[in-house]
């Protein structure tokens, strides 16, 4: 595969087909973000030009190989899921005050919050226009996915109820905010390739589980990488008080009756002023060295294994092998 996908596939013919179709998706993306208005055009192209792994459209194209992957609708569906993903990034970066995205300044850093939010809305509109051409079922699925994306962001923003377990609340946030679109990506591929309903259900279940595993792996990467993998400043989530699994697991330990003084002290460090770079770096280093990071990594691996188990009903062959490689690659990023 090309470096765009970062997924190594053993079957050369499958790899070549996916590479060619990803190139078509890239063309469609650039067409979809083109605007006559110069500001809208510049802002909409910002994240497309920044690149990315295109994991969601790759998954769409990959599950489509279980049927007729050459159908035009498959490329349209792959374009829809990436447009939707890009739109969420504009909004997420505003809400998280993230200074970088994919190694480039976030849109709100360049044009301000209002333009970034409206640009995300424009991309949602273009995704809607594309999905409308795929029929009412696709529109319904896209609307349900969009609803889950919004609910995930809403619940992340307000946090868990007093009677709700913060870790379980967070896992549901990940299911809605991240896994919903990954599941739809897998679903659209099989659906528009003409696969049987049972095959569509199988890959959708795979996508739901691997989507949560993907985000848990990202939580680890946010602490352990130098920013090259995510294109984000390490520890941004800590600075902006955005919940992540390692921090939540640490807080659960510190709240236990037998909590260690070290855990309590580390929570206090995370709750201190992290606006300075030195303070943030110290907090990241301290949390990075804590066992909760390895526990988060283990949870990601376990969920990826559950996702792979969902693929058992599929026929053996290069497509199933590629889906397993896809799952492995998502969690190996955190190794």
Protein backbone atom coordinates (compact mmCIF):
# COMPACT_ATOMS: atom_id res chain seq x y z
CA UNK A 1 0.00 0.00 0.00
CA UNK A 2 0.98 3.64 -0.25
CA UNK A 3 2.02 5.60 2.80
CA UNK A 4 -1.40 7.25 2.65
CA UNK A 5 -3.01 4.19 4.18
CA UNK A 6 -0.17 2.97 6.43
CA UNK A 7 -1.69 -0.53 6.17
CA UNK A 8 0.52 -3.30 4.79
CA UNK A 9 -1.47 -5.81 2.72
CA UNK A 10 -0.11 -9.18 1.68
CA UNK A 11 -2.11 -9.50 -1.56
CA UNK A 12 -0.55 -7.35 -4.34
CA UNK A 13 -3.67 -7.33 -6.52
CA UNK A 14 -5.90 -6.20 -3.67
CA UNK A 15 -3.35 -3.58 -2.66
CA UNK A 16 -3.22 -2.22 -6.21
CA UNK A 17 -7.01 -2.02 -6.49
CA UNK A 18 -7.35 -0.19 -3.19
CA UNK A 19 -4.56 2.21 -4.06
CA UNK A 20 -6.23 3.09 -7.37
CA UNK A 21 -9.64 3.56 -5.75
CA UNK A 22 -8.20 5.66 -2.92
CA UNK A 23 -6.78 7.93 -5.62
CA UNK A 24 -10.32 8.30 -6.99
CA UNK A 25 -11.60 9.13 -3.52
CA UNK A 26 -8.89 11.77 -3.17
CA UNK A 27 -10.03 13.36 -6.44
CA UNK A 28 -13.64 13.33 -5.27
CA UNK A 29 -12.64 14.90 -1.95
CA UNK A 30 -10.85 17.76 -3.66
CA UNK A 31 -13.82 18.32 -5.96
CA UNK A 32 -16.20 18.25 -2.99
CA UNK A 33 -14.32 20.93 -1.03
CA UNK A 34 -14.01 23.32 -3.97
CA UNK A 35 -16.00 26.55 -3.54
CA UNK A 36 -16.42 29.62 -5.71
CA UNK A 37 -16.06 31.75 -2.58
CA UNK A 38 -12.33 32.17 -1.88
CA UNK A 39 -12.52 32.05 1.93
CA UNK A 40 -14.76 28.98 1.90
CA UNK A 41 -12.46 27.35 -0.65
CA UNK A 42 -9.27 28.03 1.33
CA UNK A 43 -10.74 26.95 4.65
CA UNK A 44 -12.40 23.82 3.24
CA UNK A 45 -9.21 22.69 1.52
CA UNK A 46 -7.14 23.21 4.66
CA UNK A 47 -7.45 19.74 6.19
CA UNK A 48 -7.73 17.92 2.87
CA UNK A 49 -4.40 19.42 1.84
CA UNK A 50 -2.91 18.49 5.23
CA UNK A 51 -3.29 14.84 4.23
CA UNK A 52 -4.14 12.00 6.59
CA UNK A 53 -4.28 8.23 6.48
CA UNK A 54 -7.81 8.10 4.99
CA UNK A 55 -8.54 5.09 7.21
CA UNK A 56 -12.32 5.42 6.97
CA UNK A 57 -12.54 5.48 3.16
CA UNK A 58 -9.95 2.69 3.06
CA UNK A 59 -12.22 0.58 5.27
CA UNK A 60 -15.16 1.33 2.96
CA UNK A 61 -13.18 0.25 -0.09
CA UNK A 62 -11.89 -2.81 1.73
CA UNK A 63 -15.26 -4.16 2.89
CA UNK A 64 -16.57 -3.51 -0.62
CA UNK A 65 -14.14 -6.17 -1.83
CA UNK A 66 -16.49 -8.70 -0.23
CA UNK A 67 -18.83 -7.88 -3.11
CA UNK A 68 -18.43 -5.81 -6.27
CA UNK A 69 -15.89 -3.24 -5.16
CA UNK A 70 -15.76 -1.61 -8.59
CA UNK A 71 -19.21 -0.05 -8.30
CA UNK A 72 -19.27 3.74 -8.60
CA UNK A 73 -21.40 3.99 -5.46
CA UNK A 74 -18.55 2.55 -3.40
CA UNK A 75 -16.23 5.46 -4.19
CA UNK A 76 -19.07 7.91 -3.49
CA UNK A 77 -19.70 6.26 -0.12
CA UNK A 78 -15.98 6.36 0.73
CA UNK A 79 -15.97 10.07 -0.09
CA UNK A 80 -18.98 10.67 2.17
CA UNK A 81 -17.39 9.11 5.24
CA UNK A 82 -14.14 11.06 4.83
CA UNK A 83 -15.99 14.35 4.27
CA UNK A 84 -17.98 13.65 7.41
CA UNK A 85 -14.81 12.86 9.35
CA UNK A 86 -13.08 16.02 8.14
CA UNK A 87 -16.11 18.10 9.15
CA UNK A 88 -15.96 16.73 12.69
CA UNK A 89 -12.27 17.62 12.93
CA UNK A 90 -12.99 21.30 12.32
CA UNK A 91 -15.52 21.25 15.15
CA UNK A 92 -13.44 19.07 17.50
CA UNK A 93 -10.39 21.31 17.23
CA UNK A 94 -12.43 24.35 18.22
CA UNK A 95 -13.95 22.57 21.21
CA UNK A 96 -10.60 21.11 22.30
CA UNK A 97 -8.59 24.28 21.53
CA UNK A 98 -6.15 22.06 19.62
CA UNK A 99 -3.40 24.19 18.03
CA UNK A 100 -2.30 21.56 15.52
CA UNK A 101 -4.04 19.03 13.29
CA UNK A 102 -2.07 16.65 11.07
CA UNK A 103 1.06 18.67 11.73
CA UNK A 104 -0.47 21.92 10.46
CA UNK A 105 -2.10 24.79 12.37
CA UNK A 106 -5.75 23.99 13.11
CA UNK A 107 -8.29 25.92 11.05
CA UNK A 108 -9.42 27.96 14.05
CA UNK A 109 -5.80 29.05 14.60
CA UNK A 110 -5.73 30.41 11.04
CA UNK A 111 -9.23 31.85 10.57
CA UNK A 112 -10.78 31.88 14.05
CA UNK A 113 -13.42 29.74 15.73
CA UNK A 114 -16.45 30.96 13.80
CA UNK A 115 -14.93 30.32 10.37
CA UNK A 116 -13.70 26.89 11.48
CA UNK A 117 -17.15 25.88 12.75
CA UNK A 118 -18.88 27.14 9.63
CA UNK A 119 -16.33 25.35 7.43
CA UNK A 120 -17.16 22.12 9.23
CA UNK A 121 -20.82 22.81 8.51
CA UNK A 122 -20.01 23.35 4.84
CA UNK A 123 -18.30 19.96 4.68
CA UNK A 124 -21.29 18.31 6.35
CA UNK A 125 -23.45 19.92 3.65
CA UNK A 126 -21.22 18.55 0.88
CA UNK A 127 -21.30 15.11 2.49
CA UNK A 128 -25.09 15.30 2.60
CA UNK A 129 -25.27 16.26 -1.07
CA UNK A 130 -23.11 13.28 -2.00
CA UNK A 131 -24.97 10.79 0.18
CA UNK A 132 -28.30 11.94 -1.27
CA UNK A 133 -27.20 10.41 -4.56
CA UNK A 134 -26.85 7.02 -2.85
CA UNK A 135 -30.52 6.73 -1.96
CA UNK A 136 -32.81 7.03 1.05
CA UNK A 137 -31.25 4.16 3.02
CA UNK A 138 -27.85 5.83 2.84
CA UNK A 139 -29.35 9.16 3.90
CA UNK A 140 -31.02 7.49 6.89
CA UNK A 141 -27.78 5.76 7.94
CA UNK A 142 -25.81 8.97 7.53
CA UNK A 143 -28.35 10.89 9.63
CA UNK A 144 -28.24 8.27 12.39
CA UNK A 145 -24.44 8.37 12.34
CA UNK A 146 -24.43 12.16 12.51
CA UNK A 147 -26.79 12.00 15.48
CA UNK A 148 -24.42 9.65 17.31
CA UNK A 149 -21.45 11.90 16.49
CA UNK A 150 -23.26 14.86 18.04
CA UNK A 151 -24.36 12.87 21.08
CA UNK A 152 -20.82 11.65 21.65
CA UNK A 153 -19.48 15.20 21.57
CA UNK A 154 -22.33 16.41 23.80
CA UNK A 155 -21.77 13.72 26.41
CA UNK A 156 -18.01 14.28 26.36
CA UNK A 157 -18.62 17.99 26.92
CA UNK A 158 -21.00 17.65 29.89
CA UNK A 159 -19.29 14.61 31.43
CA UNK A 160 -20.82 11.68 33.32
CA UNK A 161 -23.78 11.97 35.67
CA UNK A 162 -23.03 11.70 39.39
CA UNK A 163 -24.35 8.12 39.40
CA UNK A 164 -22.48 7.12 36.24
CA UNK A 165 -19.13 5.34 36.08
CA UNK A 166 -16.71 7.73 34.32
CA UNK A 167 -14.90 4.93 32.48
CA UNK A 168 -18.13 3.41 31.13
CA UNK A 169 -19.35 6.89 30.22
CA UNK A 170 -16.12 7.48 28.30
CA UNK A 171 -16.39 4.19 26.42
CA UNK A 172 -19.89 5.18 25.30
CA UNK A 173 -18.56 8.57 24.20
CA UNK A 174 -15.95 6.78 22.08
CA UNK A 175 -18.57 4.46 20.63
CA UNK A 176 -20.66 7.42 19.51
CA UNK A 177 -18.01 9.99 18.68
CA UNK A 178 -15.55 7.72 16.89
CA UNK A 179 -16.83 4.18 16.37
CA UNK A 180 -20.16 5.20 14.84
CA UNK A 181 -18.49 6.61 11.73
CA UNK A 182 -15.98 3.76 11.50
CA UNK A 183 -18.88 1.29 11.64
CA UNK A 184 -20.73 3.23 8.95
CA UNK A 185 -17.60 3.24 6.80
CA UNK A 186 -17.48 -0.56 6.92
CA UNK A 187 -21.24 -0.83 6.45
CA UNK A 188 -21.35 1.43 3.40
CA UNK A 189 -18.62 -0.55 1.65
CA UNK A 190 -20.37 -3.91 1.93
CA UNK A 191 -23.79 -2.37 1.38
CA UNK A 192 -22.96 -0.59 -1.88
CA UNK A 193 -20.92 -3.52 -3.16
CA UNK A 194 -24.11 -5.58 -3.08
CA UNK A 195 -23.20 -7.89 -0.20
CA UNK A 196 -25.78 -9.96 1.66
CA UNK A 197 -27.35 -8.39 4.78
CA UNK A 198 -25.50 -10.81 7.07
CA UNK A 199 -22.16 -9.71 5.61
CA UNK A 200 -23.13 -6.06 6.08
CA UNK A 201 -24.01 -6.76 9.73
CA UNK A 202 -20.71 -8.58 10.28
CA UNK A 203 -18.49 -5.77 9.01
CA UNK A 204 -20.58 -3.16 10.84
CA UNK A 205 -19.99 -4.97 14.14
CA UNK A 206 -16.28 -5.15 13.29
CA UNK A 207 -16.21 -1.41 12.62
CA UNK A 208 -17.95 -0.56 15.87
CA UNK A 209 -15.41 -2.44 17.99
CA UNK A 210 -12.34 -1.40 16.05
CA UNK A 211 -13.46 2.22 16.24
CA UNK A 212 -13.31 2.21 20.04
CA UNK A 213 -9.98 0.36 19.98
CA UNK A 214 -8.64 2.99 17.57
CA UNK A 215 -9.48 5.83 19.94
CA UNK A 216 -8.04 4.04 22.97
CA UNK A 217 -4.82 3.60 20.98
CA UNK A 218 -4.91 7.34 20.25
CA UNK A 219 -5.14 8.03 23.98
CA UNK A 220 -1.88 6.16 24.42
CA UNK A 221 -0.24 7.87 21.45
CA UNK A 222 -1.19 11.30 22.80
CA UNK A 223 1.06 10.57 25.78
CA UNK A 224 3.82 8.46 24.26
CA UNK A 225 4.53 10.00 20.86
CA UNK A 226 6.38 13.15 19.93
CA UNK A 227 3.38 14.37 17.95
CA UNK A 228 4.59 12.98 14.62
CA UNK A 229 1.96 10.21 14.59
CA UNK A 230 -1.07 12.34 15.44
CA UNK A 231 0.08 15.72 14.19
CA UNK A 232 -1.07 17.09 17.55
CA UNK A 233 0.90 18.54 20.44
CA UNK A 234 1.42 15.75 23.02
CA UNK A 235 -0.69 16.31 26.10
CA UNK A 236 -3.19 18.65 24.42
CA UNK A 237 -6.05 16.66 25.94
CA UNK A 238 -4.54 17.04 29.42
CA UNK A 239 -4.13 20.77 29.01
CA UNK A 240 -7.70 21.23 27.78
CA UNK A 241 -9.15 18.87 30.42
CA UNK A 242 -10.45 16.51 27.73
CA UNK A 243 -11.02 13.08 29.33
CA UNK A 244 -8.85 10.19 28.14
CA UNK A 245 -8.72 6.61 29.34
CA UNK A 246 -5.33 6.80 31.12
CA UNK A 247 -6.41 9.86 33.11
CA UNK A 248 -9.77 8.31 33.98
CA UNK A 249 -8.15 5.07 35.13
CA UNK A 250 -5.72 7.07 37.25
CA UNK A 251 -8.55 9.04 38.84
CA UNK A 252 -10.37 5.81 39.66
CA UNK A 253 -7.25 4.51 41.40
CA UNK A 254 -6.74 7.75 43.31
CA UNK A 255 -10.38 7.74 44.50
CA UNK A 256 -10.13 4.19 45.92
CA UNK A 257 -9.92 3.76 49.71
CA UNK A 258 -6.49 2.16 49.35
CA UNK A 259 -5.15 4.76 46.93
CA UNK A 260 -1.42 5.27 46.95
CA UNK A 261 -0.02 8.73 47.80
CA UNK A 262 1.75 8.69 44.41
CA UNK A 263 -1.54 8.30 42.54
CA UNK A 264 -3.19 11.07 44.55
CA UNK A 265 -0.21 13.34 43.92
CA UNK A 266 -0.29 12.64 40.18
CA UNK A 267 -3.99 13.52 39.97
CA UNK A 268 -3.20 16.79 41.73
CA UNK A 269 -0.47 17.42 39.16
CA UNK A 270 -2.91 16.83 36.30
CA UNK A 271 -5.40 19.21 37.92
CA UNK A 272 -2.82 21.96 38.33
CA UNK A 273 -2.19 24.76 35.84
CA UNK A 274 -0.84 23.11 32.67
CA UNK A 275 -0.86 26.21 30.49
CA UNK A 276 2.94 26.40 30.57
CA UNK A 277 4.91 24.08 28.31
CA UNK A 278 7.19 22.89 31.10
CA UNK A 279 4.28 22.04 33.40
CA UNK A 280 2.53 20.18 30.59
CA UNK A 281 5.66 18.24 29.65
CA UNK A 282 6.17 17.21 33.27
CA UNK A 283 2.57 16.02 33.59
CA UNK A 284 2.78 14.07 30.32
CA UNK A 285 6.03 12.42 31.42
CA UNK A 286 4.60 11.46 34.81
CA UNK A 287 1.41 9.98 33.37
CA UNK A 288 3.35 8.26 30.57
CA UNK A 289 5.33 6.32 33.17
CA UNK A 290 2.22 5.17 35.06
CA UNK A 291 0.77 1.63 34.62
CA UNK A 292 -2.59 3.09 33.46
CA UNK A 293 -1.02 3.73 30.05
CA UNK A 294 -0.23 0.05 29.61
CA UNK A 295 -3.72 -0.82 30.89
CA UNK A 296 -5.21 1.44 28.22
CA UNK A 297 -3.03 -0.19 25.58
CA UNK A 298 -4.20 -3.63 26.74
CA UNK A 299 -7.83 -2.54 26.49
CA UNK A 300 -7.23 -1.39 22.91
CA UNK A 301 -5.61 -4.71 21.98
CA UNK A 302 -8.42 -6.69 23.61
CA UNK A 303 -11.10 -4.74 21.73
CA UNK A 304 -9.20 -5.20 18.46
CA UNK A 305 -9.15 -8.94 19.10
CA UNK A 306 -12.91 -8.85 19.71
CA UNK A 307 -13.32 -6.97 16.43
CA UNK A 308 -11.31 -9.59 14.56
CA UNK A 309 -13.45 -12.33 16.13
CA UNK A 310 -16.51 -10.67 14.54
CA UNK A 311 -15.02 -11.50 11.13
CA UNK A 312 -15.28 -15.28 11.66
CA UNK A 313 -18.40 -15.68 9.45
CA UNK A 314 -16.60 -14.14 6.46
CA UNK A 315 -14.91 -16.39 3.91
CA UNK A 316 -11.19 -16.97 4.35
CA UNK A 317 -9.05 -15.09 1.87
CA UNK A 318 -7.21 -11.85 1.16
CA UNK A 319 -10.09 -9.56 2.17
CA UNK A 320 -10.50 -11.08 5.62
CA UNK A 321 -6.70 -11.08 6.00
CA UNK A 322 -6.66 -7.41 5.05
CA UNK A 323 -9.34 -6.57 7.62
CA UNK A 324 -7.27 -8.32 10.29
CA UNK A 325 -4.23 -6.33 9.16
CA UNK A 326 -6.35 -3.17 9.34
CA UNK A 327 -7.28 -3.95 12.96
CA UNK A 328 -3.70 -4.78 13.89
CA UNK A 329 -2.37 -1.58 12.34
CA UNK A 330 -4.78 0.61 14.28
CA UNK A 331 -3.66 -0.67 17.66
CA UNK A 332 0.00 -1.23 16.72
CA UNK A 333 0.26 2.57 16.41
CA UNK A 334 0.22 2.62 20.20
CA UNK A 335 3.03 0.07 20.61
